[in-house]
């Protein structure tokens, strides 16, 4: 299961994580986000070496603004506290795997 990321836990869960983190920026009203969600959840189950989290842009607008998220879904990979890859729009599981390997 993916982790709910907020401004309160972002530093500990994402920036200070000892493994890569895939972050899904989404909103409940977003149709493409609902299509992306099961793909992200499947990745969270299949890849124990990666942390997977979701940020609701309506509940956490400061985080969306901090990372210049203007379209959702936006997926970002963080490694060692840095954003190493970004994809905008619905991504396949294979595309997410490729994103994680960058």
N, C-alpha and C. Protein backbone atom coordinates (compact mmCIF):
# COMPACT_ATOMS: atom_id res chain seq x y z
N UNK A 1 0.86 -1.19 0.00
CA UNK A 1 0.00 0.00 0.00
C UNK A 1 0.89 1.25 0.00
N UNK A 2 0.43 2.24 -0.68
CA UNK A 2 1.22 3.46 -0.73
C UNK A 2 0.96 4.31 0.50
N UNK A 3 1.89 5.17 0.75
CA UNK A 3 1.91 6.01 1.94
C UNK A 3 1.32 7.38 1.62
N UNK A 4 0.52 7.92 2.53
CA UNK A 4 0.02 9.27 2.34
C UNK A 4 1.10 10.24 2.81
N UNK A 5 1.53 11.10 1.89
CA UNK A 5 2.59 12.04 2.22
C UNK A 5 1.99 13.43 2.41
N UNK A 6 2.42 14.09 3.49
CA UNK A 6 1.94 15.43 3.83
C UNK A 6 3.15 16.34 4.05
N UNK A 7 2.89 17.61 4.25
CA UNK A 7 3.99 18.52 4.55
C UNK A 7 4.66 18.12 5.86
N UNK A 8 3.90 17.51 6.78
CA UNK A 8 4.46 17.12 8.08
C UNK A 8 5.44 15.95 7.96
N UNK A 9 5.17 14.99 7.08
CA UNK A 9 6.04 13.82 7.02
C UNK A 9 6.93 13.79 5.76
N UNK A 10 6.85 14.80 4.91
CA UNK A 10 7.59 14.79 3.64
C UNK A 10 9.09 14.62 3.83
N UNK A 11 9.70 15.40 4.72
CA UNK A 11 11.15 15.32 4.91
C UNK A 11 11.58 13.92 5.34
N UNK A 12 10.90 13.36 6.35
CA UNK A 12 11.29 12.04 6.85
C UNK A 12 11.00 10.94 5.85
N UNK A 13 9.82 10.96 5.22
CA UNK A 13 9.42 9.86 4.34
C UNK A 13 10.07 9.93 2.96
N UNK A 14 10.34 11.14 2.48
CA UNK A 14 10.87 11.28 1.12
C UNK A 14 12.33 11.71 1.12
N UNK A 15 12.62 12.87 1.65
CA UNK A 15 13.98 13.41 1.55
C UNK A 15 15.01 12.61 2.34
N UNK A 16 14.61 12.05 3.47
CA UNK A 16 15.54 11.29 4.30
C UNK A 16 15.42 9.78 4.13
N UNK A 17 14.66 9.35 3.13
CA UNK A 17 14.46 7.92 2.91
C UNK A 17 15.76 7.24 2.50
N UNK A 18 15.96 6.02 2.99
CA UNK A 18 17.16 5.26 2.64
C UNK A 18 16.98 4.47 1.34
N UNK A 19 15.82 4.59 0.72
CA UNK A 19 15.58 3.94 -0.57
C UNK A 19 14.85 4.90 -1.50
N UNK A 20 14.85 4.63 -2.80
CA UNK A 20 14.15 5.53 -3.73
C UNK A 20 12.67 5.66 -3.37
N UNK A 21 12.11 6.83 -3.65
CA UNK A 21 10.70 7.09 -3.35
C UNK A 21 10.00 7.56 -4.63
N UNK A 22 8.92 6.87 -4.98
CA UNK A 22 8.06 7.30 -6.08
C UNK A 22 6.90 8.06 -5.46
N UNK A 23 6.73 9.32 -5.87
CA UNK A 23 5.67 10.17 -5.33
C UNK A 23 4.66 10.46 -6.44
N UNK A 24 3.39 10.19 -6.14
CA UNK A 24 2.29 10.42 -7.07
C UNK A 24 1.50 11.63 -6.58
N UNK A 25 1.55 12.73 -7.35
CA UNK A 25 0.73 13.92 -7.05
C UNK A 25 -0.61 13.71 -7.73
N UNK A 26 -1.71 13.79 -6.97
CA UNK A 26 -3.03 13.46 -7.50
C UNK A 26 -4.12 14.27 -6.80
N UNK A 27 -5.37 14.08 -7.27
CA UNK A 27 -6.54 14.67 -6.62
C UNK A 27 -7.73 13.74 -6.84
N UNK A 28 -8.69 13.78 -5.94
CA UNK A 28 -9.84 12.87 -6.01
C UNK A 28 -10.70 13.11 -7.25
N UNK A 29 -10.76 14.36 -7.72
CA UNK A 29 -11.61 14.71 -8.86
C UNK A 29 -10.95 14.44 -10.21
N UNK A 30 -9.73 14.00 -10.22
CA UNK A 30 -8.94 13.84 -11.44
C UNK A 30 -9.13 12.45 -12.04
N UNK A 31 -9.77 12.36 -13.19
CA UNK A 31 -10.01 11.08 -13.86
C UNK A 31 -8.73 10.32 -14.19
N UNK A 32 -7.75 10.97 -14.85
CA UNK A 32 -6.50 10.27 -15.13
C UNK A 32 -5.79 9.79 -13.85
N UNK A 33 -5.94 10.53 -12.75
CA UNK A 33 -5.33 10.11 -11.48
C UNK A 33 -5.96 8.80 -11.00
N UNK A 34 -7.28 8.65 -11.21
CA UNK A 34 -7.95 7.42 -10.81
C UNK A 34 -7.47 6.25 -11.68
N UNK A 35 -7.11 6.53 -12.93
CA UNK A 35 -6.55 5.49 -13.79
C UNK A 35 -5.14 5.13 -13.34
N UNK A 36 -4.39 6.11 -12.88
CA UNK A 36 -3.00 5.90 -12.46
C UNK A 36 -2.90 5.15 -11.14
N UNK A 37 -3.83 5.39 -10.25
CA UNK A 37 -3.76 4.88 -8.88
C UNK A 37 -3.54 3.37 -8.78
N UNK A 38 -4.31 2.51 -9.49
CA UNK A 38 -4.06 1.07 -9.35
C UNK A 38 -2.68 0.64 -9.86
N UNK A 39 -2.15 1.35 -10.84
CA UNK A 39 -0.82 1.05 -11.38
C UNK A 39 0.23 1.36 -10.32
N UNK A 40 0.07 2.52 -9.67
CA UNK A 40 0.99 2.92 -8.59
C UNK A 40 0.88 1.93 -7.42
N UNK A 41 -0.35 1.55 -7.07
CA UNK A 41 -0.55 0.61 -5.96
C UNK A 41 0.09 -0.74 -6.27
N UNK A 42 -0.02 -1.20 -7.52
CA UNK A 42 0.58 -2.48 -7.91
C UNK A 42 2.11 -2.40 -7.79
N UNK A 43 2.67 -1.28 -8.20
CA UNK A 43 4.12 -1.09 -8.08
C UNK A 43 4.54 -1.13 -6.61
N UNK A 44 3.73 -0.50 -5.76
CA UNK A 44 4.03 -0.48 -4.32
C UNK A 44 4.08 -1.90 -3.75
N UNK A 45 3.20 -2.78 -4.27
CA UNK A 45 3.17 -4.17 -3.80
C UNK A 45 4.35 -4.98 -4.34
N UNK A 46 4.71 -4.73 -5.59
CA UNK A 46 5.71 -5.57 -6.25
C UNK A 46 7.15 -5.15 -5.98
N UNK A 47 7.36 -3.90 -5.59
CA UNK A 47 8.73 -3.40 -5.39
C UNK A 47 8.95 -3.03 -3.93
N UNK A 48 9.48 -3.96 -3.15
CA UNK A 48 9.72 -3.67 -1.74
C UNK A 48 10.98 -2.83 -1.55
N UNK A 49 11.80 -2.69 -2.61
CA UNK A 49 13.02 -1.89 -2.52
C UNK A 49 12.75 -0.40 -2.74
N UNK A 50 11.51 -0.08 -3.02
CA UNK A 50 11.12 1.31 -3.33
C UNK A 50 9.98 1.70 -2.40
N UNK A 51 10.01 2.94 -1.93
CA UNK A 51 8.90 3.48 -1.14
C UNK A 51 7.97 4.21 -2.11
N UNK A 52 6.67 4.03 -1.95
CA UNK A 52 5.69 4.67 -2.83
C UNK A 52 4.75 5.51 -1.98
N UNK A 53 4.61 6.78 -2.38
CA UNK A 53 3.74 7.68 -1.63
C UNK A 53 2.87 8.50 -2.55
N UNK A 54 1.77 9.01 -1.99
CA UNK A 54 0.84 9.84 -2.75
C UNK A 54 0.64 11.17 -2.03
N UNK A 55 0.59 12.23 -2.82
CA UNK A 55 0.33 13.56 -2.29
C UNK A 55 -0.93 14.10 -2.94
N UNK A 56 -1.96 14.34 -2.13
CA UNK A 56 -3.20 14.92 -2.63
C UNK A 56 -2.96 16.43 -2.77
N UNK A 57 -2.98 16.93 -4.00
CA UNK A 57 -2.63 18.34 -4.24
C UNK A 57 -3.66 19.30 -3.65
N UNK A 58 -4.89 18.85 -3.45
CA UNK A 58 -5.90 19.72 -2.83
C UNK A 58 -5.64 19.87 -1.33
N UNK A 59 -5.12 18.80 -0.70
CA UNK A 59 -4.85 18.83 0.74
C UNK A 59 -3.46 19.37 1.05
N UNK A 60 -2.55 19.28 0.07
CA UNK A 60 -1.15 19.70 0.28
C UNK A 60 -0.69 20.65 -0.83
N UNK A 61 -1.37 21.80 -0.99
CA UNK A 61 -1.01 22.71 -2.09
C UNK A 61 0.42 23.24 -1.99
N UNK A 62 0.96 23.35 -0.79
CA UNK A 62 2.33 23.87 -0.63
C UNK A 62 3.35 22.92 -1.26
N UNK A 63 3.13 21.61 -1.11
CA UNK A 63 4.05 20.64 -1.72
C UNK A 63 3.93 20.67 -3.24
N UNK A 64 2.70 20.77 -3.74
CA UNK A 64 2.51 20.84 -5.19
C UNK A 64 3.21 22.08 -5.76
N UNK A 65 3.08 23.19 -5.05
CA UNK A 65 3.72 24.43 -5.49
C UNK A 65 5.24 24.34 -5.41
N UNK A 66 5.74 23.74 -4.35
CA UNK A 66 7.19 23.60 -4.15
C UNK A 66 7.84 22.86 -5.32
N UNK A 67 7.14 21.87 -5.87
CA UNK A 67 7.70 21.06 -6.96
C UNK A 67 7.10 21.42 -8.32
N UNK A 68 6.47 22.60 -8.40
CA UNK A 68 5.92 23.11 -9.66
C UNK A 68 5.00 22.12 -10.36
N UNK A 69 4.12 21.48 -9.58
CA UNK A 69 3.16 20.55 -10.15
C UNK A 69 1.97 21.35 -10.68
N UNK A 70 1.87 21.43 -12.01
CA UNK A 70 0.79 22.17 -12.65
C UNK A 70 -0.23 21.26 -13.30
N UNK A 71 0.14 20.01 -13.58
CA UNK A 71 -0.75 19.02 -14.16
C UNK A 71 -0.68 17.76 -13.32
N UNK A 72 -1.82 17.08 -13.21
CA UNK A 72 -1.82 15.81 -12.48
C UNK A 72 -2.45 14.74 -13.34
N UNK A 73 -2.07 13.48 -13.19
CA UNK A 73 -1.06 13.03 -12.25
C UNK A 73 0.36 13.43 -12.68
N UNK A 74 1.16 13.79 -11.69
CA UNK A 74 2.60 13.98 -11.88
C UNK A 74 3.29 12.99 -10.95
N UNK A 75 4.24 12.26 -11.51
CA UNK A 75 4.98 11.27 -10.72
C UNK A 75 6.44 11.69 -10.67
N UNK A 76 7.00 11.67 -9.47
CA UNK A 76 8.41 12.05 -9.28
C UNK A 76 9.13 10.97 -8.52
N UNK A 77 10.39 10.78 -8.87
CA UNK A 77 11.25 9.85 -8.15
C UNK A 77 12.28 10.67 -7.39
N UNK A 78 12.42 10.36 -6.11
CA UNK A 78 13.41 11.01 -5.26
C UNK A 78 14.43 9.96 -4.82
N UNK A 79 15.71 10.29 -4.99
CA UNK A 79 16.79 9.43 -4.52
C UNK A 79 17.76 10.32 -3.76
N UNK A 80 18.12 9.89 -2.57
CA UNK A 80 19.05 10.65 -1.72
C UNK A 80 18.61 12.10 -1.56
N UNK A 81 17.30 12.30 -1.40
CA UNK A 81 16.77 13.63 -1.14
C UNK A 81 16.62 14.53 -2.35
N UNK A 82 16.90 13.98 -3.54
CA UNK A 82 16.82 14.81 -4.76
C UNK A 82 15.82 14.22 -5.74
N UNK A 83 15.11 15.11 -6.45
CA UNK A 83 14.20 14.68 -7.51
C UNK A 83 15.05 14.27 -8.71
N UNK A 84 15.03 12.98 -9.06
CA UNK A 84 15.87 12.47 -10.14
C UNK A 84 15.11 12.23 -11.43
N UNK A 85 13.77 12.15 -11.36
CA UNK A 85 12.98 11.90 -12.57
C UNK A 85 11.55 12.36 -12.34
N UNK A 86 10.91 12.85 -13.42
CA UNK A 86 9.53 13.31 -13.35
C UNK A 86 8.79 12.85 -14.60
N UNK A 87 7.54 12.43 -14.43
CA UNK A 87 6.67 12.10 -15.55
C UNK A 87 5.30 12.72 -15.30
N UNK A 88 4.71 13.26 -16.35
CA UNK A 88 3.39 13.89 -16.24
C UNK A 88 2.40 13.10 -17.08
N UNK A 89 1.22 12.85 -16.51
CA UNK A 89 0.21 12.07 -17.21
C UNK A 89 0.25 10.62 -16.77
N UNK A 90 -0.74 9.85 -17.23
CA UNK A 90 -0.85 8.44 -16.84
C UNK A 90 0.34 7.66 -17.40
N UNK A 91 0.98 6.88 -16.54
CA UNK A 91 2.16 6.09 -16.91
C UNK A 91 1.86 4.60 -16.71
N UNK A 92 2.37 3.78 -17.60
CA UNK A 92 2.25 2.33 -17.45
C UNK A 92 3.20 1.87 -16.35
N UNK A 93 3.01 0.62 -15.91
CA UNK A 93 3.92 0.09 -14.89
C UNK A 93 5.35 0.03 -15.45
N UNK A 94 5.48 -0.33 -16.73
CA UNK A 94 6.81 -0.39 -17.35
C UNK A 94 7.46 1.00 -17.37
N UNK A 95 6.66 2.03 -17.64
CA UNK A 95 7.19 3.40 -17.65
C UNK A 95 7.63 3.82 -16.26
N UNK A 96 6.88 3.41 -15.24
CA UNK A 96 7.26 3.73 -13.85
C UNK A 96 8.55 3.00 -13.47
N UNK A 97 8.68 1.75 -13.91
CA UNK A 97 9.92 1.00 -13.64
C UNK A 97 11.11 1.72 -14.29
N UNK A 98 10.91 2.21 -15.53
CA UNK A 98 11.98 2.92 -16.22
C UNK A 98 12.34 4.22 -15.50
N UNK A 99 11.31 4.91 -15.00
CA UNK A 99 11.51 6.14 -14.24
C UNK A 99 12.37 5.87 -13.00
N UNK A 100 12.08 4.77 -12.33
CA UNK A 100 12.80 4.40 -11.11
C UNK A 100 14.25 4.02 -11.40
N UNK A 101 14.53 3.57 -12.61
CA UNK A 101 15.89 3.12 -12.91
C UNK A 101 16.78 4.27 -13.38
N UNK A 102 16.23 5.47 -13.52
CA UNK A 102 17.03 6.64 -13.94
C UNK A 102 17.93 7.10 -12.81
